[in-house]
Amino acid sequence: RVHSGAHYPSDVAAGGVIGLVAAALVRAAPRLLGRHVL
């Protein structure tokens, strides 16, 4: 959709960064919250 002008490349890059941060938080959640919460 970048090539059709629907999204700016910076929008796509920001979405990728947000996705990576969200995945890292989910992956680290058990270690950060401890076993008693999960």
PDB file of N, CA and C in Angstrom:
ATOM      1  N   ARG A   1       0.805  -1.198   0.000  1.00  0.00           N
ATOM      2  CA  ARG A   1       0.000   0.000   0.000  1.00  0.00           C
ATOM      3  C   ARG A   1       0.849   1.262   0.000  1.00  0.00           C
ATOM      4  N   VAL A   2       2.125   1.119   0.277  1.00  0.00           N
ATOM      5  CA  VAL A   2       2.994   2.285   0.207  1.00  0.00           C
ATOM      6  C   VAL A   2       3.087   2.777  -1.228  1.00  0.00           C
ATOM      7  N   HIS A   3       3.217   1.851  -2.177  1.00  0.00           N
ATOM      8  CA  HIS A   3       3.383   2.247  -3.579  1.00  0.00           C
ATOM      9  C   HIS A   3       2.150   2.930  -4.142  1.00  0.00           C
ATOM     10  N   SER A   4       0.970   2.674  -3.565  1.00  0.00           N
ATOM     11  CA  SER A   4      -0.248   3.318  -4.058  1.00  0.00           C
ATOM     12  C   SER A   4      -0.540   4.638  -3.346  1.00  0.00           C
ATOM     13  N   GLY A   5       0.308   5.002  -2.388  1.00  0.00           N
ATOM     14  CA  GLY A   5       0.134   6.270  -1.694  1.00  0.00           C
ATOM     15  C   GLY A   5      -0.803   6.210  -0.511  1.00  0.00           C
ATOM     16  N   ALA A   6      -1.260   5.021  -0.132  1.00  0.00           N
ATOM     17  CA  ALA A   6      -2.188   4.907   0.985  1.00  0.00           C
ATOM     18  C   ALA A   6      -1.483   5.123   2.324  1.00  0.00           C
ATOM     19  N   HIS A   7      -0.194   4.795   2.384  1.00  0.00           N
ATOM     20  CA  HIS A   7       0.570   4.967   3.615  1.00  0.00           C
ATOM     21  C   HIS A   7       1.925   5.559   3.282  1.00  0.00           C
ATOM     22  N   TYR A   8       2.390   6.422   4.153  1.00  0.00           N
ATOM     23  CA  TYR A   8       3.754   6.929   4.022  1.00  0.00           C
ATOM     24  C   TYR A   8       4.718   5.869   4.534  1.00  0.00           C
ATOM     25  N   PRO A   9       5.939   5.816   3.998  1.00  0.00           N
ATOM     26  CA  PRO A   9       6.924   4.845   4.504  1.00  0.00           C
ATOM     27  C   PRO A   9       7.172   4.985   6.005  1.00  0.00           C
ATOM     28  N   SER A  10       7.106   6.209   6.516  1.00  0.00           N
ATOM     29  CA  SER A  10       7.306   6.399   7.957  1.00  0.00           C
ATOM     30  C   SER A  10       6.181   5.743   8.759  1.00  0.00           C
ATOM     31  N   ASP A  11       4.965   5.714   8.217  1.00  0.00           N
ATOM     32  CA  ASP A  11       3.856   5.028   8.887  1.00  0.00           C
ATOM     33  C   ASP A  11       4.136   3.536   8.992  1.00  0.00           C
ATOM     34  N   VAL A  12       4.655   2.974   7.920  1.00  0.00           N
ATOM     35  CA  VAL A  12       4.965   1.547   7.902  1.00  0.00           C
ATOM     36  C   VAL A  12       6.094   1.248   8.880  1.00  0.00           C
ATOM     37  N   ALA A  13       7.124   2.089   8.894  1.00  0.00           N
ATOM     38  CA  ALA A  13       8.246   1.895   9.813  1.00  0.00           C
ATOM     39  C   ALA A  13       7.789   2.025  11.262  1.00  0.00           C
ATOM     40  N   ALA A  14       6.953   3.006  11.550  1.00  0.00           N
ATOM     41  CA  ALA A  14       6.454   3.184  12.915  1.00  0.00           C
ATOM     42  C   ALA A  14       5.618   1.983  13.341  1.00  0.00           C
ATOM     43  N   GLY A  15       4.814   1.456  12.455  1.00  0.00           N
ATOM     44  CA  GLY A  15       4.028   0.265  12.769  1.00  0.00           C
ATOM     45  C   GLY A  15       4.913  -0.927  13.064  1.00  0.00           C
ATOM     46  N   GLY A  16       6.000  -1.063  12.312  1.00  0.00           N
ATOM     47  CA  GLY A  16       6.942  -2.150  12.566  1.00  0.00           C
ATOM     48  C   GLY A  16       7.606  -2.019  13.917  1.00  0.00           C
ATOM     49  N   VAL A  17       7.999  -0.801  14.271  1.00  0.00           N
ATOM     50  CA  VAL A  17       8.636  -0.575  15.573  1.00  0.00           C
ATOM     51  C   VAL A  17       7.652  -0.862  16.699  1.00  0.00           C
ATOM     52  N   ILE A  18       6.424  -0.406  16.558  1.00  0.00           N
ATOM     53  CA  ILE A  18       5.409  -0.667  17.579  1.00  0.00           C
ATOM     54  C   ILE A  18       5.177  -2.166  17.726  1.00  0.00           C
ATOM     55  N   GLY A  19       5.133  -2.874  16.614  1.00  0.00           N
ATOM     56  CA  GLY A  19       4.963  -4.324  16.663  1.00  0.00           C
ATOM     57  C   GLY A  19       6.115  -5.022  17.354  1.00  0.00           C
ATOM     58  N   LEU A  20       7.341  -4.592  17.071  1.00  0.00           N
ATOM     59  CA  LEU A  20       8.506  -5.198  17.723  1.00  0.00           C
ATOM     60  C   LEU A  20       8.512  -4.928  19.222  1.00  0.00           C
ATOM     61  N   VAL A  21       8.165  -3.714  19.618  1.00  0.00           N
ATOM     62  CA  VAL A  21       8.119  -3.376  21.045  1.00  0.00           C
ATOM     63  C   VAL A  21       7.033  -4.186  21.742  1.00  0.00           C
ATOM     64  N   ALA A  22       5.872  -4.305  21.124  1.00  0.00           N
ATOM     65  CA  ALA A  22       4.787  -5.083  21.718  1.00  0.00           C
ATOM     66  C   ALA A  22       5.182  -6.546  21.860  1.00  0.00           C
ATOM     67  N   ALA A  23       5.826  -7.102  20.851  1.00  0.00           N
ATOM     68  CA  ALA A  23       6.265  -8.496  20.920  1.00  0.00           C
ATOM     69  C   ALA A  23       7.305  -8.688  22.012  1.00  0.00           C
ATOM     70  N   ALA A  24       8.216  -7.736  22.154  1.00  0.00           N
ATOM     71  CA  ALA A  24       9.237  -7.834  23.199  1.00  0.00           C
ATOM     72  C   ALA A  24       8.610  -7.764  24.584  1.00  0.00           C
ATOM     73  N   LEU A  25       7.605  -6.912  24.760  1.00  0.00           N
ATOM     74  CA  LEU A  25       6.933  -6.812  26.060  1.00  0.00           C
ATOM     75  C   LEU A  25       6.186  -8.092  26.399  1.00  0.00           C
ATOM     76  N   VAL A  26       5.513  -8.664  25.424  1.00  0.00           N
ATOM     77  CA  VAL A  26       4.789  -9.913  25.663  1.00  0.00           C
ATOM     78  C   VAL A  26       5.764 -11.032  25.997  1.00  0.00           C
ATOM     79  N   ARG A  27       6.880 -11.059  25.294  1.00  0.00           N
ATOM     80  CA  ARG A  27       7.869 -12.108  25.544  1.00  0.00           C
ATOM     81  C   ARG A  27       8.511 -11.954  26.922  1.00  0.00           C
ATOM     82  N   ALA A  28       8.703 -10.718  27.376  1.00  0.00           N
ATOM     83  CA  ALA A  28       9.355 -10.468  28.658  1.00  0.00           C
ATOM     84  C   ALA A  28       8.373 -10.438  29.825  1.00  0.00           C
ATOM     85  N   ALA A  29       7.076 -10.476  29.572  1.00  0.00           N
ATOM     86  CA  ALA A  29       6.075 -10.332  30.628  1.00  0.00           C
ATOM     87  C   ALA A  29       6.245 -11.328  31.771  1.00  0.00           C
ATOM     88  N   PRO A  30       6.440 -12.613  31.524  1.00  0.00           N
ATOM     89  CA  PRO A  30       6.585 -13.540  32.657  1.00  0.00           C
ATOM     90  C   PRO A  30       7.777 -13.196  33.549  1.00  0.00           C
ATOM     91  N   ARG A  31       8.863 -12.769  32.950  1.00  0.00           N
ATOM     92  CA  ARG A  31      10.052 -12.433  33.731  1.00  0.00           C
ATOM     93  C   ARG A  31       9.839 -11.126  34.488  1.00  0.00           C
ATOM     94  N   LEU A  32       9.160 -10.163  33.869  1.00  0.00           N
ATOM     95  CA  LEU A  32       8.949  -8.866  34.501  1.00  0.00           C
ATOM     96  C   LEU A  32       7.901  -8.928  35.608  1.00  0.00           C
ATOM     97  N   LEU A  33       6.870  -9.713  35.406  1.00  0.00           N
ATOM     98  CA  LEU A  33       5.769  -9.761  36.366  1.00  0.00           C
ATOM     99  C   LEU A  33       5.973 -10.813  37.445  1.00  0.00           C
ATOM    100  N   GLY A  34       6.798 -11.778  37.178  1.00  0.00           N
ATOM    101  CA  GLY A  34       7.022 -12.835  38.149  1.00  0.00           C
ATOM    102  C   GLY A  34       6.032 -13.967  37.960  1.00  0.00           C
ATOM    103  N   ARG A  35       6.358 -15.083  38.533  1.00  0.00           N
ATOM    104  CA  ARG A  35       5.529 -16.274  38.344  1.00  0.00           C
ATOM    105  C   ARG A  35       4.200 -16.191  39.094  1.00  0.00           C
ATOM    106  N   HIS A  36       4.128 -15.440  40.182  1.00  0.00           N
ATOM    107  CA  HIS A  36       2.899 -15.401  40.969  1.00  0.00           C
ATOM    108  C   HIS A  36       1.748 -14.706  40.245  1.00  0.00           C
ATOM    109  N   VAL A  37       2.039 -13.821  39.314  1.00  0.00           N
ATOM    110  CA  VAL A  37       0.985 -13.123  38.579  1.00  0.00           C
ATOM    111  C   VAL A  37       0.460 -13.992  37.455  1.00  0.00           C
ATOM    112  N   LEU A  38       1.377 -14.607  36.724  1.00  0.00           N
ATOM    113  CA  LEU A  38       0.970 -15.448  35.605  1.00  0.00           C
ATOM    114  C   LEU A  38       0.963 -16.858  36.088  1.00  0.00           C
TER     115      LEU A  38
END
